[in-house]
Amino acid sequence: MTSVEAAEYLKMHVKTVCRLAKERKIPAKKVGSEWRFLRSVLDRWLAQEEEVVKVLD
């Protein structure tokens, strides 16, 4: 997915998604000047983030 598609999927602003990708806080690959995301990898990342929140609560 493109950064725009990933932002829509994650319900985030596209600039936030790109910043998180650049900071390596969200899984992504850079292809040329564009960030690319795999839906399956984002799903696993979201599940892991949810587990961290549960542990911290």
PDB file of N, CA and C in Angstrom:
ATOM      1  N   MET A   1       0.839  -1.171   0.000  1.00  0.00           N
ATOM      2  CA  MET A   1       0.000   0.000   0.000  1.00  0.00           C
ATOM      3  C   MET A   1       0.889   1.242   0.000  1.00  0.00           C
ATOM      4  N   THR A   2       0.353   2.308  -0.524  1.00  0.00           N
ATOM      5  CA  THR A   2       1.053   3.588  -0.485  1.00  0.00           C
ATOM      6  C   THR A   2       0.860   4.219   0.889  1.00  0.00           C
ATOM      7  N   SER A   3       1.558   5.305   1.137  1.00  0.00           N
ATOM      8  CA  SER A   3       1.402   5.996   2.422  1.00  0.00           C
ATOM      9  C   SER A   3      -0.011   6.556   2.574  1.00  0.00           C
ATOM     10  N   VAL A   4      -0.621   6.979   1.490  1.00  0.00           N
ATOM     11  CA  VAL A   4      -1.993   7.495   1.546  1.00  0.00           C
ATOM     12  C   VAL A   4      -2.955   6.369   1.915  1.00  0.00           C
ATOM     13  N   GLU A   5      -2.797   5.212   1.281  1.00  0.00           N
ATOM     14  CA  GLU A   5      -3.653   4.065   1.579  1.00  0.00           C
ATOM     15  C   GLU A   5      -3.446   3.587   3.018  1.00  0.00           C
ATOM     16  N   ALA A   6      -2.189   3.558   3.466  1.00  0.00           N
ATOM     17  CA  ALA A   6      -1.898   3.139   4.836  1.00  0.00           C
ATOM     18  C   ALA A   6      -2.499   4.120   5.838  1.00  0.00           C
ATOM     19  N   ALA A   7      -2.426   5.402   5.539  1.00  0.00           N
ATOM     20  CA  ALA A   7      -2.997   6.417   6.426  1.00  0.00           C
ATOM     21  C   ALA A   7      -4.512   6.240   6.537  1.00  0.00           C
ATOM     22  N   GLU A   8      -5.166   5.986   5.428  1.00  0.00           N
ATOM     23  CA  GLU A   8      -6.609   5.742   5.448  1.00  0.00           C
ATOM     24  C   GLU A   8      -6.922   4.483   6.257  1.00  0.00           C
ATOM     25  N   TYR A   9      -6.156   3.431   6.052  1.00  0.00           N
ATOM     26  CA  TYR A   9      -6.365   2.169   6.754  1.00  0.00           C
ATOM     27  C   TYR A   9      -6.180   2.340   8.265  1.00  0.00           C
ATOM     28  N   LEU A  10      -5.154   3.093   8.656  1.00  0.00           N
ATOM     29  CA  LEU A  10      -4.856   3.305  10.070  1.00  0.00           C
ATOM     30  C   LEU A  10      -5.628   4.468  10.686  1.00  0.00           C
ATOM     31  N   LYS A  11      -6.357   5.193   9.846  1.00  0.00           N
ATOM     32  CA  LYS A  11      -7.115   6.374  10.281  1.00  0.00           C
ATOM     33  C   LYS A  11      -6.186   7.398  10.935  1.00  0.00           C
ATOM     34  N   MET A  12      -5.090   7.683  10.211  1.00  0.00           N
ATOM     35  CA  MET A  12      -4.101   8.664  10.631  1.00  0.00           C
ATOM     36  C   MET A  12      -3.871   9.621   9.473  1.00  0.00           C
ATOM     37  N   HIS A  13      -3.245  10.736   9.770  1.00  0.00           N
ATOM     38  CA  HIS A  13      -2.855  11.670   8.717  1.00  0.00           C
ATOM     39  C   HIS A  13      -1.655  11.090   7.985  1.00  0.00           C
ATOM     40  N   VAL A  14      -1.582  11.309   6.690  1.00  0.00           N
ATOM     41  CA  VAL A  14      -0.502  10.749   5.882  1.00  0.00           C
ATOM     42  C   VAL A  14       0.867  11.242   6.357  1.00  0.00           C
ATOM     43  N   LYS A  15       0.961  12.479   6.812  1.00  0.00           N
ATOM     44  CA  LYS A  15       2.244  12.987   7.312  1.00  0.00           C
ATOM     45  C   LYS A  15       2.665  12.253   8.581  1.00  0.00           C
ATOM     46  N   THR A  16       1.713  11.882   9.406  1.00  0.00           N
ATOM     47  CA  THR A  16       2.013  11.131  10.627  1.00  0.00           C
ATOM     48  C   THR A  16       2.531   9.746  10.269  1.00  0.00           C
ATOM     49  N   VAL A  17       1.900   9.091   9.318  1.00  0.00           N
ATOM     50  CA  VAL A  17       2.324   7.765   8.884  1.00  0.00           C
ATOM     51  C   VAL A  17       3.747   7.827   8.325  1.00  0.00           C
ATOM     52  N   CYS A  18       4.034   8.819   7.507  1.00  0.00           N
ATOM     53  CA  CYS A  18       5.374   8.952   6.930  1.00  0.00           C
ATOM     54  C   CYS A  18       6.415   9.256   8.007  1.00  0.00           C
ATOM     55  N   ARG A  19       6.062  10.082   8.970  1.00  0.00           N
ATOM     56  CA  ARG A  19       6.990  10.411  10.057  1.00  0.00           C
ATOM     57  C   ARG A  19       7.290   9.167  10.889  1.00  0.00           C
ATOM     58  N   LEU A  20       6.248   8.400  11.223  1.00  0.00           N
ATOM     59  CA  LEU A  20       6.441   7.177  11.989  1.00  0.00           C
ATOM     60  C   LEU A  20       7.288   6.160  11.214  1.00  0.00           C
ATOM     61  N   ALA A  21       7.092   6.079   9.915  1.00  0.00           N
ATOM     62  CA  ALA A  21       7.895   5.177   9.090  1.00  0.00           C
ATOM     63  C   ALA A  21       9.356   5.624   9.093  1.00  0.00           C
ATOM     64  N   LYS A  22       9.580   6.902   8.940  1.00  0.00           N
ATOM     65  CA  LYS A  22      10.944   7.441   8.936  1.00  0.00           C
ATOM     66  C   LYS A  22      11.632   7.193  10.274  1.00  0.00           C
ATOM     67  N   GLU A  23      10.895   7.298  11.370  1.00  0.00           N
ATOM     68  CA  GLU A  23      11.431   7.074  12.709  1.00  0.00           C
ATOM     69  C   GLU A  23      11.482   5.587  13.068  1.00  0.00           C
ATOM     70  N   ARG A  24      11.086   4.728  12.129  1.00  0.00           N
ATOM     71  CA  ARG A  24      11.055   3.263  12.314  1.00  0.00           C
ATOM     72  C   ARG A  24      10.144   2.839  13.461  1.00  0.00           C
ATOM     73  N   LYS A  25       9.082   3.599  13.676  1.00  0.00           N
ATOM     74  CA  LYS A  25       8.100   3.259  14.701  1.00  0.00           C
ATOM     75  C   LYS A  25       6.933   2.485  14.116  1.00  0.00           C
ATOM     76  N   ILE A  26       6.879   2.417  12.788  1.00  0.00           N
ATOM     77  CA  ILE A  26       5.856   1.662  12.087  1.00  0.00           C
ATOM     78  C   ILE A  26       6.561   0.911  10.956  1.00  0.00           C
ATOM     79  N   PRO A  27       6.211  -0.355  10.709  1.00  0.00           N
ATOM     80  CA  PRO A  27       6.927  -1.125   9.687  1.00  0.00           C
ATOM     81  C   PRO A  27       6.612  -0.641   8.270  1.00  0.00           C
ATOM     82  N   ALA A  28       7.675  -0.334   7.543  1.00  0.00           N
ATOM     83  CA  ALA A  28       7.520   0.159   6.172  1.00  0.00           C
ATOM     84  C   ALA A  28       8.833  -0.012   5.421  1.00  0.00           C
ATOM     85  N   LYS A  29       8.750   0.052   4.123  1.00  0.00           N
ATOM     86  CA  LYS A  29       9.930   0.016   3.257  1.00  0.00           C
ATOM     87  C   LYS A  29       9.881   1.232   2.354  1.00  0.00           C
ATOM     88  N   LYS A  30      11.036   1.797   2.095  1.00  0.00           N
ATOM     89  CA  LYS A  30      11.091   2.932   1.186  1.00  0.00           C
ATOM     90  C   LYS A  30      11.489   2.418  -0.194  1.00  0.00           C
ATOM     91  N   VAL A  31      10.675   2.725  -1.183  1.00  0.00           N
ATOM     92  CA  VAL A  31      10.927   2.349  -2.562  1.00  0.00           C
ATOM     93  C   VAL A  31      11.105   3.650  -3.332  1.00  0.00           C
ATOM     94  N   GLY A  32      12.350   3.947  -3.658  1.00  0.00           N
ATOM     95  CA  GLY A  32      12.636   5.249  -4.264  1.00  0.00           C
ATOM     96  C   GLY A  32      12.390   6.322  -3.227  1.00  0.00           C
ATOM     97  N   SER A  33      11.487   7.229  -3.519  1.00  0.00           N
ATOM     98  CA  SER A  33      11.158   8.294  -2.566  1.00  0.00           C
ATOM     99  C   SER A  33       9.830   8.045  -1.855  1.00  0.00           C
ATOM    100  N   GLU A  34       9.215   6.889  -2.128  1.00  0.00           N
ATOM    101  CA  GLU A  34       7.900   6.571  -1.575  1.00  0.00           C
ATOM    102  C   GLU A  34       7.973   5.502  -0.497  1.00  0.00           C
ATOM    103  N   TRP A  35       7.174   5.646   0.541  1.00  0.00           N
ATOM    104  CA  TRP A  35       7.043   4.616   1.566  1.00  0.00           C
ATOM    105  C   TRP A  35       5.993   3.612   1.112  1.00  0.00           C
ATOM    106  N   ARG A  36       6.248   2.335   1.374  1.00  0.00           N
ATOM    107  CA  ARG A  36       5.302   1.260   1.053  1.00  0.00           C
ATOM    108  C   ARG A  36       5.034   0.438   2.310  1.00  0.00           C
ATOM    109  N   PHE A  37       3.814  -0.047   2.417  1.00  0.00           N
ATOM    110  CA  PHE A  37       3.354  -0.774   3.597  1.00  0.00           C
ATOM    111  C   PHE A  37       2.622  -2.028   3.157  1.00  0.00           C
ATOM    112  N   LEU A  38       2.780  -3.109   3.923  1.00  0.00           N
ATOM    113  CA  LEU A  38       2.014  -4.331   3.688  1.00  0.00           C
ATOM    114  C   LEU A  38       0.910  -4.409   4.738  1.00  0.00           C
ATOM    115  N   ARG A  39      -0.299  -4.633   4.295  1.00  0.00           N
ATOM    116  CA  ARG A  39      -1.450  -4.697   5.214  1.00  0.00           C
ATOM    117  C   ARG A  39      -1.236  -5.760   6.289  1.00  0.00           C
ATOM    118  N   SER A  40      -0.732  -6.926   5.904  1.00  0.00           N
ATOM    119  CA  SER A  40      -0.522  -8.004   6.880  1.00  0.00           C
ATOM    120  C   SER A  40       0.496  -7.601   7.946  1.00  0.00           C
ATOM    121  N   VAL A  41       1.526  -6.875   7.549  1.00  0.00           N
ATOM    122  CA  VAL A  41       2.542  -6.427   8.503  1.00  0.00           C
ATOM    123  C   VAL A  41       1.958  -5.357   9.417  1.00  0.00           C
ATOM    124  N   LEU A  42       1.154  -4.465   8.859  1.00  0.00           N
ATOM    125  CA  LEU A  42       0.500  -3.438   9.689  1.00  0.00           C
ATOM    126  C   LEU A  42      -0.464  -4.079  10.684  1.00  0.00           C
ATOM    127  N   ASP A  43      -1.172  -5.114  10.255  1.00  0.00           N
ATOM    128  CA  ASP A  43      -2.091  -5.815  11.167  1.00  0.00           C
ATOM    129  C   ASP A  43      -1.336  -6.428  12.342  1.00  0.00           C
ATOM    130  N   ARG A  44      -0.182  -7.069  12.048  1.00  0.00           N
ATOM    131  CA  ARG A  44       0.628  -7.652  13.126  1.00  0.00           C
ATOM    132  C   ARG A  44       1.166  -6.562  14.048  1.00  0.00           C
ATOM    133  N   TRP A  45       1.607  -5.450  13.472  1.00  0.00           N
ATOM    134  CA  TRP A  45       2.119  -4.320  14.257  1.00  0.00           C
ATOM    135  C   TRP A  45       1.026  -3.774  15.183  1.00  0.00           C
ATOM    136  N   LEU A  46      -0.172  -3.623  14.664  1.00  0.00           N
ATOM    137  CA  LEU A  46      -1.284  -3.132  15.487  1.00  0.00           C
ATOM    138  C   LEU A  46      -1.591  -4.089  16.632  1.00  0.00           C
ATOM    139  N   ALA A  47      -1.564  -5.385  16.352  1.00  0.00           N
ATOM    140  CA  ALA A  47      -1.829  -6.379  17.390  1.00  0.00           C
ATOM    141  C   ALA A  47      -0.762  -6.318  18.480  1.00  0.00           C
ATOM    142  N   GLN A  48       0.485  -6.152  18.092  1.00  0.00           N
ATOM    143  CA  GLN A  48       1.572  -6.043  19.070  1.00  0.00           C
ATOM    144  C   GLN A  48       1.417  -4.781  19.904  1.00  0.00           C
ATOM    145  N   GLU A  49       1.055  -3.672  19.274  1.00  0.00           N
ATOM    146  CA  GLU A  49       0.866  -2.414  19.998  1.00  0.00           C
ATOM    147  C   GLU A  49      -0.283  -2.543  20.996  1.00  0.00           C
ATOM    148  N   GLU A  50      -1.325  -3.262  20.612  1.00  0.00           N
ATOM    149  CA  GLU A  50      -2.469  -3.478  21.500  1.00  0.00           C
ATOM    150  C   GLU A  50      -2.038  -4.281  22.730  1.00  0.00           C
ATOM    151  N   GLU A  51      -1.183  -5.280  22.527  1.00  0.00           N
ATOM    152  CA  GLU A  51      -0.683  -6.089  23.641  1.00  0.00           C
ATOM    153  C   GLU A  51       0.149  -5.238  24.596  1.00  0.00           C
ATOM    154  N   VAL A  52       0.944  -4.319  24.089  1.00  0.00           N
ATOM    155  CA  VAL A  52       1.753  -3.437  24.928  1.00  0.00           C
ATOM    156  C   VAL A  52       0.858  -2.560  25.779  1.00  0.00           C
ATOM    157  N   VAL A  53      -0.203  -2.046  25.196  1.00  0.00           N
ATOM    158  CA  VAL A  53      -1.139  -1.196  25.943  1.00  0.00           C
ATOM    159  C   VAL A  53      -1.804  -1.994  27.052  1.00  0.00           C
ATOM    160  N   LYS A  54      -2.197  -3.227  26.778  1.00  0.00           N
ATOM    161  CA  LYS A  54      -2.834  -4.072  27.786  1.00  0.00           C
ATOM    162  C   LYS A  54      -1.892  -4.324  28.959  1.00  0.00           C
ATOM    163  N   VAL A  55      -0.628  -4.557  28.675  1.00  0.00           N
ATOM    164  CA  VAL A  55       0.358  -4.816  29.733  1.00  0.00           C
ATOM    165  C   VAL A  55       0.563  -3.574  30.585  1.00  0.00           C
ATOM    166  N   LEU A  56       0.551  -2.415  29.954  1.00  0.00           N
ATOM    167  CA  LEU A  56       0.794  -1.161  30.690  1.00  0.00           C
ATOM    168  C   LEU A  56      -0.407  -0.728  31.522  1.00  0.00           C
ATOM    169  N   ASP A  57      -1.592  -1.220  31.188  1.00  0.00           N
ATOM    170  CA  ASP A  57      -2.801  -0.821  31.937  1.00  0.00           C
ATOM    171  C   ASP A  57      -2.901  -1.461  33.263  1.00  0.00           C
TER     172      ASP A  57
END
